[in-house]
Amino acid sequence: MKPIRSAALMASLVLMLGACGDSDDSATTSSSTPTALGTSLAILTPVSGSTVKGNVVSLDLEAKGVTIAKAHGDTSGRTGPYHVFIDRDPVAAGAPIPREAGIVHTTDDPVVLTGLAVGTHRITVVYGDGAHARMGTNQAEATVKVDGPSLDATAPATSSAGQPVVVVDVKVED
């Protein structure tokens, strides 16, 4: 009986040590490497295929596993703003997200998109990190029809405080 007890005790000890070793290894890996596990992103409203009267679309978003915050340099994969791509494909994971027409950088929820032309628009939302690089592969997409009327005015990108803004172009669609 003693040899059997010794063998059982030895086997239990090996299993316990092995389990502890595995636990330590995974803890080290997960703490040093940010992952996208447990993150998700959804557009709650409008539902894809919806028609919106006017030219303003309000996106109600749901973020899980990421804290939505202003871009302040954090590249840990845990915080950052939303990036909304309008009628264009989002950049690849890890790529910088440019500041240009058709891309909205924001921490707002809901995200209010103004000045959309009459017609159908594809809206894609992704996470960006604190340096405005795409974080992971999560994305939410909706197609929305803007029914009009639509008013779009163009003005210079910057103006001096207290000075009038000159509208360069106005476009009205019904």
Protein backbone atom coordinates (compact mmCIF):
# COMPACT_ATOMS: atom_id res chain seq x y z
CA MET A 1 0.00 0.00 0.00
CA LYS A 2 2.84 2.40 0.73
CA PRO A 3 4.22 2.37 -2.84
CA ILE A 4 0.74 3.17 -4.21
CA ARG A 5 0.25 6.07 -1.77
CA SER A 6 3.70 7.42 -2.60
CA ALA A 7 2.99 7.22 -6.32
CA ALA A 8 -0.40 8.92 -5.87
CA LEU A 9 1.14 11.63 -3.71
CA MET A 10 3.93 12.15 -6.26
CA ALA A 11 1.43 12.35 -9.17
CA SER A 12 -0.70 14.89 -7.27
CA LEU A 13 2.36 17.00 -6.53
CA VAL A 14 3.45 16.96 -10.20
CA LEU A 15 -0.06 17.96 -11.34
CA MET A 16 -0.22 20.82 -8.83
CA LEU A 17 3.20 22.14 -9.80
CA GLY A 18 2.34 21.84 -13.48
CA ALA A 19 -0.90 23.76 -12.99
CA CYS A 20 0.90 26.52 -11.10
CA GLY A 21 3.50 26.78 -13.84
CA ASP A 22 0.84 27.12 -16.54
CA SER A 23 -0.99 29.76 -14.54
CA ASP A 24 2.16 31.83 -14.03
CA ASP A 25 3.10 31.64 -17.72
CA SER A 26 -0.30 32.82 -18.93
CA ALA A 27 -0.42 35.64 -16.36
CA THR A 28 2.94 36.92 -17.62
CA THR A 29 1.82 36.70 -21.25
CA SER A 30 -1.52 38.43 -20.74
CA SER A 31 -0.12 41.26 -18.64
CA SER A 32 2.63 42.09 -21.11
CA THR A 33 0.58 41.74 -24.30
CA PRO A 34 -2.68 43.70 -24.68
CA THR A 35 -5.32 41.59 -26.43
CA ALA A 36 -8.69 42.24 -28.01
CA LEU A 37 -10.32 39.42 -26.04
CA GLY A 38 -13.56 40.54 -24.46
CA THR A 39 -13.92 43.66 -26.61
CA SER A 40 -16.84 44.41 -28.89
CA LEU A 41 -18.38 47.36 -30.66
CA ALA A 42 -21.97 47.83 -31.87
CA ILE A 43 -24.18 50.46 -33.46
CA LEU A 44 -27.43 50.17 -31.48
CA THR A 45 -29.31 52.78 -33.54
CA PRO A 46 -30.03 53.47 -36.27
CA VAL A 47 -30.61 49.89 -37.36
CA SER A 48 -28.90 49.09 -40.65
CA GLY A 49 -31.31 49.75 -43.52
CA SER A 50 -33.09 52.60 -41.70
CA THR A 51 -34.25 55.79 -43.41
CA VAL A 52 -33.52 59.11 -41.69
CA LYS A 53 -35.47 62.29 -42.43
CA GLY A 54 -33.21 65.32 -42.77
CA ASN A 55 -29.44 65.09 -43.05
CA VAL A 56 -28.41 64.34 -39.46
CA VAL A 57 -27.71 60.77 -38.33
CA SER A 58 -27.28 60.07 -34.61
CA LEU A 59 -25.35 56.88 -33.83
CA ASP A 60 -25.99 55.25 -30.45
CA LEU A 61 -22.95 53.04 -29.81
CA GLU A 62 -22.09 50.24 -27.40
CA ALA A 63 -18.44 49.76 -26.45
CA LYS A 64 -17.30 46.76 -24.40
CA GLY A 65 -13.81 46.11 -23.12
CA VAL A 66 -12.44 49.53 -24.15
CA THR A 67 -12.74 52.79 -22.23
CA ILE A 68 -13.70 55.59 -24.61
CA ALA A 69 -11.37 58.51 -23.92
CA LYS A 70 -9.70 61.39 -25.73
CA ALA A 71 -6.54 60.54 -27.62
CA HIS A 72 -3.83 61.29 -25.06
CA GLY A 73 -1.07 59.01 -26.27
CA ASP A 74 -2.16 55.76 -24.54
CA THR A 75 -1.29 52.84 -26.84
CA SER A 76 -2.05 50.08 -24.32
CA GLY A 77 -5.13 48.95 -26.24
CA ARG A 78 -7.43 49.75 -23.32
CA THR A 79 -8.48 53.37 -24.06
CA GLY A 80 -9.13 55.57 -27.07
CA PRO A 81 -11.75 57.41 -29.14
CA TYR A 82 -14.25 56.20 -31.70
CA HIS A 83 -13.42 56.68 -35.37
CA VAL A 84 -16.35 56.83 -37.80
CA PHE A 85 -15.71 56.18 -41.49
CA ILE A 86 -18.44 57.52 -43.79
CA ASP A 87 -18.75 55.90 -47.23
CA ARG A 88 -15.22 54.54 -47.11
CA ASP A 89 -13.36 51.50 -45.82
CA PRO A 90 -11.64 51.79 -42.45
CA VAL A 91 -7.86 51.53 -42.25
CA ALA A 92 -6.28 48.18 -41.37
CA ALA A 93 -5.60 47.19 -37.75
CA GLY A 94 -2.57 49.09 -36.42
CA ALA A 95 -2.59 51.66 -39.24
CA PRO A 96 -2.78 55.40 -38.46
CA ILE A 97 -6.23 56.94 -38.86
CA PRO A 98 -5.95 60.18 -40.86
CA ARG A 99 -7.75 63.44 -40.10
CA GLU A 100 -9.58 64.05 -43.34
CA ALA A 101 -13.05 64.32 -44.87
CA GLY A 102 -15.24 61.30 -44.26
CA ILE A 103 -13.57 60.31 -40.95
CA VAL A 104 -14.88 61.53 -37.60
CA HIS A 105 -12.67 61.27 -34.47
CA THR A 106 -14.82 61.52 -31.33
CA THR A 107 -15.53 60.38 -27.79
CA ASP A 108 -19.21 61.41 -28.06
CA ASP A 109 -22.00 58.87 -27.65
CA PRO A 110 -24.27 59.36 -29.40
CA VAL A 111 -22.12 60.41 -32.36
CA VAL A 112 -23.98 63.04 -34.39
CA LEU A 113 -23.15 63.05 -38.10
CA THR A 114 -24.32 66.25 -39.82
CA GLY A 115 -24.43 67.43 -43.42
CA LEU A 116 -24.94 64.04 -45.05
CA ALA A 117 -26.14 64.21 -48.65
CA VAL A 118 -29.45 62.68 -49.70
CA GLY A 119 -28.92 59.00 -50.52
CA THR A 120 -27.56 55.83 -48.96
CA HIS A 121 -24.48 55.96 -46.73
CA ARG A 122 -22.30 53.21 -45.28
CA ILE A 123 -21.12 54.07 -41.77
CA THR A 124 -18.35 52.06 -40.10
CA VAL A 125 -17.13 52.64 -36.53
CA VAL A 126 -13.78 51.37 -35.19
CA TYR A 127 -11.70 51.89 -32.07
CA GLY A 128 -8.56 54.00 -32.26
CA ASP A 129 -5.87 54.20 -29.62
CA GLY A 130 -4.50 57.33 -27.98
CA ALA A 131 -2.19 57.93 -30.94
CA HIS A 132 -5.04 57.59 -33.50
CA ALA A 133 -3.99 54.17 -34.80
CA ARG A 134 -6.69 51.56 -35.37
CA MET A 135 -6.99 49.31 -32.35
CA GLY A 136 -7.76 45.68 -33.18
CA THR A 137 -10.23 44.46 -35.78
CA ASN A 138 -13.53 45.27 -34.03
CA GLN A 139 -15.89 47.29 -36.15
CA ALA A 140 -19.59 48.06 -36.36
CA GLU A 141 -21.30 48.93 -39.62
CA ALA A 142 -24.71 50.25 -40.67
CA THR A 143 -26.18 51.40 -43.94
CA VAL A 144 -28.52 54.39 -43.61
CA LYS A 145 -30.65 56.17 -46.21
CA VAL A 146 -30.80 59.95 -45.78
CA ASP A 147 -34.18 61.12 -47.09
CA GLY A 148 -33.56 64.87 -46.94
CA PRO A 149 -33.91 67.72 -47.06
CA SER A 150 -30.17 68.25 -46.85
CA LEU A 151 -28.22 71.46 -46.41
CA ASP A 152 -24.44 71.42 -46.67
CA ALA A 153 -22.34 74.57 -46.27
CA THR A 154 -18.58 74.83 -46.73
CA ALA A 155 -16.41 77.34 -44.89
CA PRO A 156 -12.69 77.68 -44.18
CA ALA A 157 -11.35 75.13 -41.71
CA THR A 158 -10.12 77.83 -39.33
CA SER A 159 -11.13 81.38 -38.46
CA SER A 160 -10.05 83.95 -35.92
CA ALA A 161 -12.07 84.21 -32.72
CA GLY A 162 -14.76 86.88 -32.91
CA GLN A 163 -14.41 87.26 -36.69
CA PRO A 164 -17.22 86.46 -39.15
CA VAL A 165 -17.01 83.21 -41.07
CA VAL A 166 -17.43 83.43 -44.83
CA VAL A 167 -19.46 80.56 -46.30
CA VAL A 168 -17.75 79.44 -49.50
CA ASP A 169 -20.36 77.04 -50.90
CA VAL A 170 -23.94 76.02 -50.05
CA LYS A 171 -25.68 72.94 -51.43
CA VAL A 172 -29.38 72.15 -50.82
CA GLU A 173 -31.02 68.81 -51.69
CA ASP A 174 -34.62 67.81 -51.23
